[in-house]
Amino acid sequence: MRNYRGVLLVSGPLENYELTDSAEFIFRAVDGDNSVEQIGAMLSEHYEVPFSDAVNDVAEFIADLVENRIIEIV
């Protein structure tokens, strides 16, 4: 993880990501304690988007991070 010119960059063995504001919000909320639904609720409130859309976005983004071995679910 690196902040470059105000943009958060995360790298894994398969992919590199330049995170948007909402992706950074999700990435920072993934702490081992928050569930997908909890992060979705936070995202929904922060960006004023429907809860179900936020949860779907969180689940999809986390799945991408896991698939590209940037995070690991234990």
N, C-alpha and C. Protein backbone atom coordinates (compact mmCIF):
# COMPACT_ATOMS: atom_id res chain seq x y z
N MET A 1 0.86 -1.17 0.00
CA MET A 1 0.00 0.00 0.00
C MET A 1 0.90 1.22 0.00
N ARG A 2 0.55 2.17 -0.86
CA ARG A 2 1.35 3.39 -0.97
C ARG A 2 0.46 4.54 -1.42
N ASN A 3 0.69 5.70 -0.84
CA ASN A 3 -0.01 6.90 -1.26
C ASN A 3 0.89 7.65 -2.23
N TYR A 4 0.42 7.80 -3.45
CA TYR A 4 1.20 8.47 -4.49
C TYR A 4 0.38 9.60 -5.07
N ARG A 5 0.85 10.82 -4.82
CA ARG A 5 0.16 12.02 -5.32
C ARG A 5 -1.31 12.06 -4.92
N GLY A 6 -1.58 11.65 -3.70
CA GLY A 6 -2.93 11.70 -3.18
C GLY A 6 -3.81 10.53 -3.57
N VAL A 7 -3.23 9.53 -4.23
CA VAL A 7 -3.99 8.35 -4.65
C VAL A 7 -3.41 7.14 -3.93
N LEU A 8 -4.28 6.33 -3.36
CA LEU A 8 -3.82 5.13 -2.68
C LEU A 8 -3.61 4.02 -3.70
N LEU A 9 -2.42 3.44 -3.69
CA LEU A 9 -2.08 2.33 -4.57
C LEU A 9 -1.87 1.09 -3.71
N VAL A 10 -2.45 -0.02 -4.12
CA VAL A 10 -2.23 -1.29 -3.44
C VAL A 10 -1.76 -2.29 -4.48
N SER A 11 -0.83 -3.14 -4.06
CA SER A 11 -0.24 -4.10 -4.98
C SER A 11 -0.33 -5.49 -4.42
N GLY A 12 -0.49 -6.43 -5.30
CA GLY A 12 -0.45 -7.84 -4.96
C GLY A 12 0.39 -8.55 -5.99
N PRO A 13 0.53 -9.84 -5.85
CA PRO A 13 1.36 -10.58 -6.80
C PRO A 13 0.74 -10.66 -8.20
N LEU A 14 -0.56 -10.43 -8.30
CA LEU A 14 -1.22 -10.57 -9.60
C LEU A 14 -1.66 -9.25 -10.21
N GLU A 15 -2.05 -8.30 -9.38
CA GLU A 15 -2.62 -7.04 -9.88
C GLU A 15 -2.16 -5.88 -9.01
N ASN A 16 -2.21 -4.69 -9.59
CA ASN A 16 -2.01 -3.43 -8.87
C ASN A 16 -3.30 -2.63 -9.02
N TYR A 17 -3.67 -1.96 -7.96
CA TYR A 17 -4.90 -1.16 -7.98
C TYR A 17 -4.59 0.28 -7.63
N GLU A 18 -5.17 1.19 -8.37
CA GLU A 18 -5.22 2.60 -8.02
C GLU A 18 -6.64 2.83 -7.52
N LEU A 19 -6.78 3.05 -6.23
CA LEU A 19 -8.11 3.05 -5.63
C LEU A 19 -8.83 4.38 -5.79
N THR A 20 -10.09 4.29 -6.16
CA THR A 20 -10.96 5.46 -6.16
C THR A 20 -11.26 5.80 -4.70
N ASP A 21 -11.92 6.92 -4.48
CA ASP A 21 -12.28 7.30 -3.11
C ASP A 21 -13.13 6.24 -2.43
N SER A 22 -14.12 5.72 -3.13
CA SER A 22 -15.00 4.72 -2.52
C SER A 22 -14.27 3.40 -2.30
N ALA A 23 -13.38 3.02 -3.23
CA ALA A 23 -12.60 1.79 -3.06
C ALA A 23 -11.66 1.93 -1.87
N GLU A 24 -11.05 3.10 -1.71
CA GLU A 24 -10.19 3.34 -0.56
C GLU A 24 -10.99 3.26 0.74
N PHE A 25 -12.20 3.81 0.72
CA PHE A 25 -13.08 3.75 1.89
C PHE A 25 -13.32 2.29 2.28
N ILE A 26 -13.64 1.46 1.30
CA ILE A 26 -13.88 0.04 1.56
C ILE A 26 -12.59 -0.63 2.06
N PHE A 27 -11.49 -0.40 1.35
CA PHE A 27 -10.21 -1.03 1.69
C PHE A 27 -9.82 -0.74 3.13
N ARG A 28 -9.98 0.50 3.55
CA ARG A 28 -9.61 0.88 4.92
C ARG A 28 -10.57 0.30 5.95
N ALA A 29 -11.80 -0.01 5.55
CA ALA A 29 -12.78 -0.58 6.48
C ALA A 29 -12.61 -2.08 6.67
N VAL A 30 -11.88 -2.73 5.76
CA VAL A 30 -11.62 -4.17 5.87
C VAL A 30 -10.56 -4.34 6.95
N ASP A 31 -11.01 -4.69 8.14
CA ASP A 31 -10.09 -4.76 9.28
C ASP A 31 -10.17 -6.07 10.05
N GLY A 32 -10.95 -7.00 9.54
CA GLY A 32 -11.09 -8.27 10.24
C GLY A 32 -12.24 -8.28 11.22
N ASP A 33 -12.77 -7.12 11.54
CA ASP A 33 -13.90 -7.03 12.47
C ASP A 33 -15.20 -6.68 11.76
N ASN A 34 -15.13 -5.81 10.77
CA ASN A 34 -16.33 -5.38 10.05
C ASN A 34 -16.77 -6.44 9.04
N SER A 35 -18.06 -6.73 9.01
CA SER A 35 -18.61 -7.64 8.01
C SER A 35 -18.87 -6.88 6.71
N VAL A 36 -19.13 -7.62 5.66
CA VAL A 36 -19.48 -7.00 4.38
C VAL A 36 -20.70 -6.09 4.56
N GLU A 37 -21.68 -6.56 5.32
CA GLU A 37 -22.89 -5.77 5.55
C GLU A 37 -22.58 -4.50 6.33
N GLN A 38 -21.70 -4.59 7.32
CA GLN A 38 -21.34 -3.41 8.10
C GLN A 38 -20.60 -2.39 7.24
N ILE A 39 -19.67 -2.87 6.43
CA ILE A 39 -18.95 -1.96 5.54
C ILE A 39 -19.92 -1.36 4.52
N GLY A 40 -20.84 -2.19 4.03
CA GLY A 40 -21.86 -1.68 3.10
C GLY A 40 -22.71 -0.60 3.74
N ALA A 41 -23.07 -0.77 4.99
CA ALA A 41 -23.86 0.25 5.70
C ALA A 41 -23.07 1.54 5.84
N MET A 42 -21.79 1.42 6.16
CA MET A 42 -20.94 2.63 6.28
C MET A 42 -20.81 3.33 4.93
N LEU A 43 -20.61 2.53 3.88
CA LEU A 43 -20.48 3.08 2.53
C LEU A 43 -21.78 3.76 2.10
N SER A 44 -22.89 3.10 2.38
CA SER A 44 -24.21 3.63 2.03
C SER A 44 -24.45 4.98 2.69
N GLU A 45 -24.10 5.06 3.96
CA GLU A 45 -24.31 6.31 4.69
C GLU A 45 -23.36 7.40 4.19
N HIS A 46 -22.09 7.05 4.01
CA HIS A 46 -21.08 8.04 3.63
C HIS A 46 -21.33 8.61 2.23
N TYR A 47 -21.70 7.75 1.29
CA TYR A 47 -21.87 8.19 -0.10
C TYR A 47 -23.34 8.36 -0.50
N GLU A 48 -24.24 8.15 0.46
CA GLU A 48 -25.68 8.31 0.22
C GLU A 48 -26.15 7.50 -0.99
N VAL A 49 -25.84 6.21 -0.95
CA VAL A 49 -26.30 5.28 -1.99
C VAL A 49 -27.15 4.21 -1.31
N PRO A 50 -28.01 3.54 -2.06
CA PRO A 50 -28.85 2.50 -1.47
C PRO A 50 -28.00 1.41 -0.80
N PHE A 51 -28.47 0.95 0.34
CA PHE A 51 -27.76 -0.06 1.12
C PHE A 51 -27.45 -1.30 0.29
N SER A 52 -28.43 -1.81 -0.45
CA SER A 52 -28.20 -3.04 -1.22
C SER A 52 -27.13 -2.85 -2.29
N ASP A 53 -27.10 -1.69 -2.93
CA ASP A 53 -26.06 -1.40 -3.92
C ASP A 53 -24.69 -1.35 -3.25
N ALA A 54 -24.63 -0.72 -2.09
CA ALA A 54 -23.36 -0.59 -1.37
C ALA A 54 -22.84 -1.96 -0.95
N VAL A 55 -23.71 -2.82 -0.42
CA VAL A 55 -23.29 -4.16 0.00
C VAL A 55 -22.79 -4.96 -1.20
N ASN A 56 -23.49 -4.87 -2.32
CA ASN A 56 -23.05 -5.57 -3.53
C ASN A 56 -21.68 -5.07 -4.00
N ASP A 57 -21.47 -3.75 -3.95
CA ASP A 57 -20.19 -3.18 -4.36
C ASP A 57 -19.07 -3.64 -3.43
N VAL A 58 -19.34 -3.66 -2.13
CA VAL A 58 -18.35 -4.10 -1.15
C VAL A 58 -17.99 -5.56 -1.40
N ALA A 59 -19.00 -6.41 -1.56
CA ALA A 59 -18.75 -7.83 -1.77
C ALA A 59 -17.93 -8.06 -3.05
N GLU A 60 -18.27 -7.36 -4.10
CA GLU A 60 -17.55 -7.50 -5.37
C GLU A 60 -16.10 -7.03 -5.25
N PHE A 61 -15.89 -5.90 -4.60
CA PHE A 61 -14.55 -5.38 -4.45
C PHE A 61 -13.69 -6.30 -3.58
N ILE A 62 -14.25 -6.77 -2.47
CA ILE A 62 -13.51 -7.68 -1.60
C ILE A 62 -13.18 -8.98 -2.34
N ALA A 63 -14.11 -9.48 -3.13
CA ALA A 63 -13.85 -10.69 -3.92
C ALA A 63 -12.68 -10.46 -4.88
N ASP A 64 -12.62 -9.28 -5.51
CA ASP A 64 -11.50 -8.96 -6.40
C ASP A 64 -10.18 -8.92 -5.64
N LEU A 65 -10.19 -8.33 -4.45
CA LEU A 65 -8.97 -8.27 -3.65
C LEU A 65 -8.50 -9.65 -3.24
N VAL A 66 -9.44 -10.52 -2.88
CA VAL A 66 -9.09 -11.89 -2.49
C VAL A 66 -8.56 -12.65 -3.71
N GLU A 67 -9.26 -12.54 -4.83
CA GLU A 67 -8.86 -13.25 -6.05
C GLU A 67 -7.46 -12.85 -6.49
N ASN A 68 -7.11 -11.60 -6.29
CA ASN A 68 -5.79 -11.10 -6.70
C ASN A 68 -4.77 -11.13 -5.57
N ARG A 69 -5.13 -11.82 -4.49
CA ARG A 69 -4.26 -12.08 -3.34
C ARG A 69 -3.71 -10.82 -2.70
N ILE A 70 -4.55 -9.78 -2.66
CA ILE A 70 -4.17 -8.56 -1.97
C ILE A 70 -4.58 -8.66 -0.51
N ILE A 71 -5.72 -9.32 -0.26
CA ILE A 71 -6.13 -9.63 1.11
C ILE A 71 -6.47 -11.11 1.17
N GLU A 72 -6.50 -11.61 2.39
CA GLU A 72 -6.82 -13.02 2.61
C GLU A 72 -7.93 -13.10 3.65
N ILE A 73 -8.92 -13.91 3.37
CA ILE A 73 -9.99 -14.13 4.34
C ILE A 73 -9.65 -15.39 5.11
N VAL A 74 -9.62 -15.25 6.44
CA VAL A 74 -9.28 -16.39 7.29
C VAL A 74 -10.44 -16.75 8.17
